[in-house]
Amino acid sequence: SYFLVPLGSILVMQSIISEYGSGMGWTMYPPLSSSLMTLNTESVDWIIIGLALLGISSLLGSINFLGTSIFLGSVSGSRPNILYIWAIIFTAIMLLITLPILTGGLVMLLMDLHTNSEFYDSMYSGDSVLYQHLFWFFGHPEVYILILPGFGVISQTLSTYATRSVFGGQAMILAMGCISIL
């Protein structure tokens, strides 16, 4: 998973520095990313492929974290109260659920650009809001994907320097689980 990060990052940077840039904003909504609205569809291709590679890298990394934490016993037996491990587990589960949806939306966007499919073009019976729903199905949990490891790091750091276990550690694990379900 790590070796896909430089390649995906280079492709995203290539789209930024290419002639005219992509010019479609950070959400890549289809009216702005369609072939009629962009000056350079090649830069749109670079950013879509780069983001798809970065998503696949994150997906493989989350599978790696889940496998490591489950098979090395940090969940099932030896250290069940380490909050950082639980934060990484909940984050990996959220990534496993949301990243395929974003990747599917990006592939559909790429197909709209090159194969004359009409997933997002409302002039040809497509749904112009479909990409927004697919993007925000990933974008809303992304906030929690970013904050849960921070909760785990802060809790573990305070516990280590105070030389005491976190008060309400089981409740904190339950709270992180409830946050990830929402």
C-alpha atoms as a PDB file:
ATOM      1  CA  SER A   1       0.000   0.000   0.000  1.00  0.00           C
ATOM      2  CA  TYR A   2       2.868   2.355   0.744  1.00  0.00           C
ATOM      3  CA  PHE A   3       4.335   2.189  -2.756  1.00  0.00           C
ATOM      4  CA  LEU A   4       1.106   3.457  -4.328  1.00  0.00           C
ATOM      5  CA  VAL A   5       1.299   6.723  -2.360  1.00  0.00           C
ATOM      6  CA  PRO A   6       4.184   8.315  -4.328  1.00  0.00           C
ATOM      7  CA  LEU A   7       2.651   7.312  -7.658  1.00  0.00           C
ATOM      8  CA  GLY A   8      -0.793   8.667  -6.728  1.00  0.00           C
ATOM      9  CA  SER A   9       0.730  11.851  -5.323  1.00  0.00           C
ATOM     10  CA  ILE A  10       2.766  12.425  -8.479  1.00  0.00           C
ATOM     11  CA  LEU A  11      -0.368  12.021 -10.616  1.00  0.00           C
ATOM     12  CA  VAL A  12      -2.317  14.487  -8.465  1.00  0.00           C
ATOM     13  CA  MET A  13       0.543  17.003  -8.634  1.00  0.00           C
ATOM     14  CA  GLN A  14       0.786  16.452 -12.400  1.00  0.00           C
ATOM     15  CA  SER A  15      -2.847  17.488 -12.744  1.00  0.00           C
ATOM     16  CA  ILE A  16      -2.172  20.653 -10.772  1.00  0.00           C
ATOM     17  CA  ILE A  17       0.865  21.759 -12.778  1.00  0.00           C
ATOM     18  CA  SER A  18      -0.441  20.759 -16.214  1.00  0.00           C
ATOM     19  CA  GLU A  19      -1.539  23.410 -18.680  1.00  0.00           C
ATOM     20  CA  TYR A  20      -4.768  25.142 -17.537  1.00  0.00           C
ATOM     21  CA  GLY A  21      -4.939  22.836 -14.504  1.00  0.00           C
ATOM     22  CA  SER A  22      -8.050  20.899 -13.763  1.00  0.00           C
ATOM     23  CA  GLY A  23     -10.100  23.927 -12.685  1.00  0.00           C
ATOM     24  CA  MET A  24     -12.851  21.922 -11.057  1.00  0.00           C
ATOM     25  CA  GLY A  25     -12.519  22.610  -7.342  1.00  0.00           C
ATOM     26  CA  TRP A  26     -11.739  20.212  -4.542  1.00  0.00           C
ATOM     27  CA  THR A  27     -15.015  18.295  -4.816  1.00  0.00           C
ATOM     28  CA  MET A  28     -14.809  17.625  -8.584  1.00  0.00           C
ATOM     29  CA  TYR A  29     -18.547  18.024  -9.092  1.00  0.00           C
ATOM     30  CA  PRO A  30     -19.547  16.764 -12.568  1.00  0.00           C
ATOM     31  CA  PRO A  31     -20.660  19.969 -14.234  1.00  0.00           C
ATOM     32  CA  LEU A  32     -17.184  21.381 -13.605  1.00  0.00           C
ATOM     33  CA  SER A  33     -15.337  18.148 -14.374  1.00  0.00           C
ATOM     34  CA  SER A  34     -17.195  17.273 -17.561  1.00  0.00           C
ATOM     35  CA  SER A  35     -15.538  17.555 -20.951  1.00  0.00           C
ATOM     36  CA  LEU A  36     -17.683  20.578 -21.842  1.00  0.00           C
ATOM     37  CA  MET A  37     -16.529  22.664 -18.876  1.00  0.00           C
ATOM     38  CA  THR A  38     -12.820  21.914 -18.522  1.00  0.00           C
ATOM     39  CA  LEU A  39     -10.103  23.281 -20.764  1.00  0.00           C
ATOM     40  CA  ASN A  40      -7.865  20.294 -20.212  1.00  0.00           C
ATOM     41  CA  THR A  41      -9.492  16.887 -19.747  1.00  0.00           C
ATOM     42  CA  GLU A  42      -6.064  15.314 -19.392  1.00  0.00           C
ATOM     43  CA  SER A  43      -5.564  17.020 -16.029  1.00  0.00           C
ATOM     44  CA  VAL A  44      -8.964  15.705 -14.913  1.00  0.00           C
ATOM     45  CA  ASP A  45      -7.799  12.210 -15.859  1.00  0.00           C
ATOM     46  CA  TRP A  46      -4.586  12.630 -13.866  1.00  0.00           C
ATOM     47  CA  ILE A  47      -6.362  13.728 -10.717  1.00  0.00           C
ATOM     48  CA  ILE A  48      -9.042  11.019 -10.936  1.00  0.00           C
ATOM     49  CA  ILE A  49      -6.483   8.249 -11.468  1.00  0.00           C
ATOM     50  CA  GLY A  50      -4.219   9.698  -8.758  1.00  0.00           C
ATOM     51  CA  LEU A  51      -7.043   9.886  -6.228  1.00  0.00           C
ATOM     52  CA  ALA A  52      -8.143   6.365  -7.113  1.00  0.00           C
ATOM     53  CA  LEU A  53      -4.590   5.098  -6.510  1.00  0.00           C
ATOM     54  CA  LEU A  54      -4.409   6.951  -3.190  1.00  0.00           C
ATOM     55  CA  GLY A  55      -7.772   5.457  -2.208  1.00  0.00           C
ATOM     56  CA  ILE A  56      -6.604   1.959  -3.091  1.00  0.00           C
ATOM     57  CA  SER A  57      -3.457   2.598  -1.049  1.00  0.00           C
ATOM     58  CA  SER A  58      -5.527   3.638   1.969  1.00  0.00           C
ATOM     59  CA  LEU A  59      -7.771   0.623   1.511  1.00  0.00           C
ATOM     60  CA  LEU A  60      -4.799  -1.757   1.469  1.00  0.00           C
ATOM     61  CA  GLY A  61      -3.275   0.020   4.461  1.00  0.00           C
ATOM     62  CA  SER A  62      -6.476  -0.326   6.468  1.00  0.00           C
ATOM     63  CA  ILE A  63      -6.629  -4.040   5.637  1.00  0.00           C
ATOM     64  CA  ASN A  64      -3.031  -4.284   6.853  1.00  0.00           C
ATOM     65  CA  PHE A  65      -3.827  -2.500  10.135  1.00  0.00           C
ATOM     66  CA  LEU A  66      -6.893  -4.657  10.749  1.00  0.00           C
ATOM     67  CA  GLY A  67      -5.018  -7.864  10.037  1.00  0.00           C
ATOM     68  CA  THR A  68      -2.113  -6.856  12.241  1.00  0.00           C
ATOM     69  CA  SER A  69      -4.269  -5.842  15.181  1.00  0.00           C
ATOM     70  CA  ILE A  70      -6.512  -8.902  15.009  1.00  0.00           C
ATOM     71  CA  PHE A  71      -3.944 -11.607  14.310  1.00  0.00           C
ATOM     72  CA  LEU A  72      -1.289 -10.337  16.700  1.00  0.00           C
ATOM     73  CA  GLY A  73      -3.684 -10.453  19.631  1.00  0.00           C
ATOM     74  CA  SER A  74      -4.085  -6.798  20.498  1.00  0.00           C
ATOM     75  CA  VAL A  75      -7.858  -7.035  20.182  1.00  0.00           C
ATOM     76  CA  SER A  76      -8.665 -10.521  21.356  1.00  0.00           C
ATOM     77  CA  GLY A  77      -6.512 -11.036  24.380  1.00  0.00           C
ATOM     78  CA  SER A  78      -3.260  -9.533  25.443  1.00  0.00           C
ATOM     79  CA  ARG A  79      -3.924  -5.779  25.334  1.00  0.00           C
ATOM     80  CA  PRO A  80      -7.646  -5.119  24.951  1.00  0.00           C
ATOM     81  CA  ASN A  81      -7.655  -1.626  26.488  1.00  0.00           C
ATOM     82  CA  ILE A  82      -5.097   0.183  24.331  1.00  0.00           C
ATOM     83  CA  LEU A  83      -7.167   3.059  23.017  1.00  0.00           C
ATOM     84  CA  TYR A  84      -4.875   3.837  20.096  1.00  0.00           C
ATOM     85  CA  ILE A  85      -5.297   0.321  18.703  1.00  0.00           C
ATOM     86  CA  TRP A  86      -9.076   0.595  18.970  1.00  0.00           C
ATOM     87  CA  ALA A  87      -9.021   4.010  17.281  1.00  0.00           C
ATOM     88  CA  ILE A  88      -7.023   2.558  14.377  1.00  0.00           C
ATOM     89  CA  ILE A  89      -9.415  -0.408  14.135  1.00  0.00           C
ATOM     90  CA  PHE A  90     -12.487   1.827  13.960  1.00  0.00           C
ATOM     91  CA  THR A  91     -10.755   4.100  11.446  1.00  0.00           C
ATOM     92  CA  ALA A  92      -9.789   1.145   9.262  1.00  0.00           C
ATOM     93  CA  ILE A  93     -13.352  -0.181   9.315  1.00  0.00           C
ATOM     94  CA  MET A  94     -14.707   3.214   8.255  1.00  0.00           C
ATOM     95  CA  LEU A  95     -12.150   3.381   5.443  1.00  0.00           C
ATOM     96  CA  LEU A  96     -13.120  -0.105   4.275  1.00  0.00           C
ATOM     97  CA  ILE A  97     -16.751   0.984   4.067  1.00  0.00           C
ATOM     98  CA  THR A  98     -16.388   4.419   2.476  1.00  0.00           C
ATOM     99  CA  LEU A  99     -13.414   4.232   0.093  1.00  0.00           C
ATOM    100  CA  PRO A 100     -14.995   1.803  -2.405  1.00  0.00           C
ATOM    101  CA  ILE A 101     -17.932   4.214  -2.765  1.00  0.00           C
ATOM    102  CA  LEU A 102     -15.619   7.128  -3.574  1.00  0.00           C
ATOM    103  CA  THR A 103     -13.598   4.992  -5.980  1.00  0.00           C
ATOM    104  CA  GLY A 104     -16.789   3.914  -7.742  1.00  0.00           C
ATOM    105  CA  GLY A 105     -17.849   7.547  -8.082  1.00  0.00           C
ATOM    106  CA  LEU A 106     -14.458   8.460  -9.537  1.00  0.00           C
ATOM    107  CA  VAL A 107     -14.606   5.568 -12.017  1.00  0.00           C
ATOM    108  CA  MET A 108     -18.087   6.663 -13.096  1.00  0.00           C
ATOM    109  CA  LEU A 109     -16.756  10.208 -13.547  1.00  0.00           C
ATOM    110  CA  LEU A 110     -13.909   8.879 -15.687  1.00  0.00           C
ATOM    111  CA  MET A 111     -16.388   6.866 -17.752  1.00  0.00           C
ATOM    112  CA  ASP A 112     -18.516   9.972 -18.284  1.00  0.00           C
ATOM    113  CA  LEU A 113     -15.472  11.755 -19.676  1.00  0.00           C
ATOM    114  CA  HIS A 114     -14.315   9.052 -22.079  1.00  0.00           C
ATOM    115  CA  THR A 115     -16.989   6.476 -22.884  1.00  0.00           C
ATOM    116  CA  ASN A 116     -20.025   8.736 -23.393  1.00  0.00           C
ATOM    117  CA  SER A 117     -21.865   7.234 -20.459  1.00  0.00           C
ATOM    118  CA  GLU A 118     -24.424   9.488 -18.832  1.00  0.00           C
ATOM    119  CA  PHE A 119     -24.185   8.819 -15.108  1.00  0.00           C
ATOM    120  CA  TYR A 120     -24.018  12.487 -14.138  1.00  0.00           C
ATOM    121  CA  ASP A 121     -25.346  14.361 -17.191  1.00  0.00           C
ATOM    122  CA  SER A 122     -28.933  15.407 -16.521  1.00  0.00           C
ATOM    123  CA  MET A 123     -29.481  16.327 -20.176  1.00  0.00           C
ATOM    124  CA  TYR A 124     -29.312  12.622 -21.051  1.00  0.00           C
ATOM    125  CA  SER A 125     -31.358  11.169 -18.152  1.00  0.00           C
ATOM    126  CA  GLY A 126     -28.382  11.063 -15.790  1.00  0.00           C
ATOM    127  CA  ASP A 127     -28.526  12.186 -12.177  1.00  0.00           C
ATOM    128  CA  SER A 128     -26.485  15.326 -11.613  1.00  0.00           C
ATOM    129  CA  VAL A 129     -26.716  14.961  -7.830  1.00  0.00           C
ATOM    130  CA  LEU A 130     -25.531  11.335  -7.751  1.00  0.00           C
ATOM    131  CA  TYR A 131     -21.845  12.264  -7.560  1.00  0.00           C
ATOM    132  CA  GLN A 132     -22.556  14.681  -4.710  1.00  0.00           C
ATOM    133  CA  HIS A 133     -24.220  11.903  -2.737  1.00  0.00           C
ATOM    134  CA  LEU A 134     -21.380   9.475  -3.463  1.00  0.00           C
ATOM    135  CA  PHE A 135     -18.760  12.085  -2.558  1.00  0.00           C
ATOM    136  CA  TRP A 136     -20.403  13.057   0.712  1.00  0.00           C
ATOM    137  CA  PHE A 137     -20.924   9.406   1.634  1.00  0.00           C
ATOM    138  CA  PHE A 138     -17.128   9.445   1.838  1.00  0.00           C
ATOM    139  CA  GLY A 139     -16.690  13.085   2.920  1.00  0.00           C
ATOM    140  CA  HIS A 140     -18.820  12.982   6.067  1.00  0.00           C
ATOM    141  CA  PRO A 141     -17.054   9.975   7.664  1.00  0.00           C
ATOM    142  CA  GLU A 142     -13.698  11.410   6.575  1.00  0.00           C
ATOM    143  CA  VAL A 143     -13.929  13.926   9.423  1.00  0.00           C
ATOM    144  CA  TYR A 144     -14.185  11.085  11.924  1.00  0.00           C
ATOM    145  CA  ILE A 145     -11.523   9.086  10.077  1.00  0.00           C
ATOM    146  CA  LEU A 146      -9.160  11.995  10.702  1.00  0.00           C
ATOM    147  CA  ILE A 147     -10.101  12.652  14.358  1.00  0.00           C
ATOM    148  CA  LEU A 148     -10.346   9.129  15.822  1.00  0.00           C
ATOM    149  CA  PRO A 149      -6.596   8.352  15.620  1.00  0.00           C
ATOM    150  CA  GLY A 150      -5.993  11.709  17.309  1.00  0.00           C
ATOM    151  CA  PHE A 151      -8.285  10.683  20.160  1.00  0.00           C
ATOM    152  CA  GLY A 152      -6.335   7.443  20.486  1.00  0.00           C
ATOM    153  CA  VAL A 153      -2.918   9.128  20.409  1.00  0.00           C
ATOM    154  CA  ILE A 154      -3.876  11.752  22.993  1.00  0.00           C
ATOM    155  CA  SER A 155      -5.447   9.176  25.310  1.00  0.00           C
ATOM    156  CA  GLN A 156      -2.457   6.852  25.051  1.00  0.00           C
ATOM    157  CA  THR A 157       0.041   9.684  25.553  1.00  0.00           C
ATOM    158  CA  LEU A 158      -1.752  11.010  28.629  1.00  0.00           C
ATOM    159  CA  SER A 159      -2.044   7.501  30.027  1.00  0.00           C
ATOM    160  CA  THR A 160       1.658   6.827  29.493  1.00  0.00           C
ATOM    161  CA  TYR A 161       2.918  10.073  31.024  1.00  0.00           C
ATOM    162  CA  ALA A 162       0.496   9.910  33.948  1.00  0.00           C
ATOM    163  CA  THR A 163       1.465   6.241  34.527  1.00  0.00           C
ATOM    164  CA  ARG A 164      -2.197   5.411  35.014  1.00  0.00           C
ATOM    165  CA  SER A 165      -4.812   3.852  32.849  1.00  0.00           C
ATOM    166  CA  VAL A 166      -7.398   6.105  31.260  1.00  0.00           C
ATOM    167  CA  PHE A 167     -10.447   6.559  33.454  1.00  0.00           C
ATOM    168  CA  GLY A 168     -13.413   5.131  31.584  1.00  0.00           C
ATOM    169  CA  GLY A 169     -11.304   3.371  28.968  1.00  0.00           C
ATOM    170  CA  GLN A 170     -14.076   0.921  28.106  1.00  0.00           C
ATOM    171  CA  ALA A 171     -16.527   3.814  27.769  1.00  0.00           C
ATOM    172  CA  MET A 172     -14.079   5.609  25.479  1.00  0.00           C
ATOM    173  CA  ILE A 173     -13.818   2.505  23.277  1.00  0.00           C
ATOM    174  CA  LEU A 174     -17.610   2.359  23.180  1.00  0.00           C
ATOM    175  CA  ALA A 175     -17.779   6.081  22.339  1.00  0.00           C
ATOM    176  CA  MET A 176     -15.306   5.680  19.478  1.00  0.00           C
ATOM    177  CA  GLY A 177     -17.349   2.731  18.201  1.00  0.00           C
ATOM    178  CA  CYS A 178     -20.546   4.785  18.346  1.00  0.00           C
ATOM    179  CA  ILE A 179     -18.847   7.673  16.533  1.00  0.00           C
ATOM    180  CA  SER A 180     -17.741   5.329  13.781  1.00  0.00           C
ATOM    181  CA  ILE A 181     -21.244   3.865  13.443  1.00  0.00           C
ATOM    182  CA  LEU A 182     -22.749   7.310  13.044  1.00  0.00           C
END
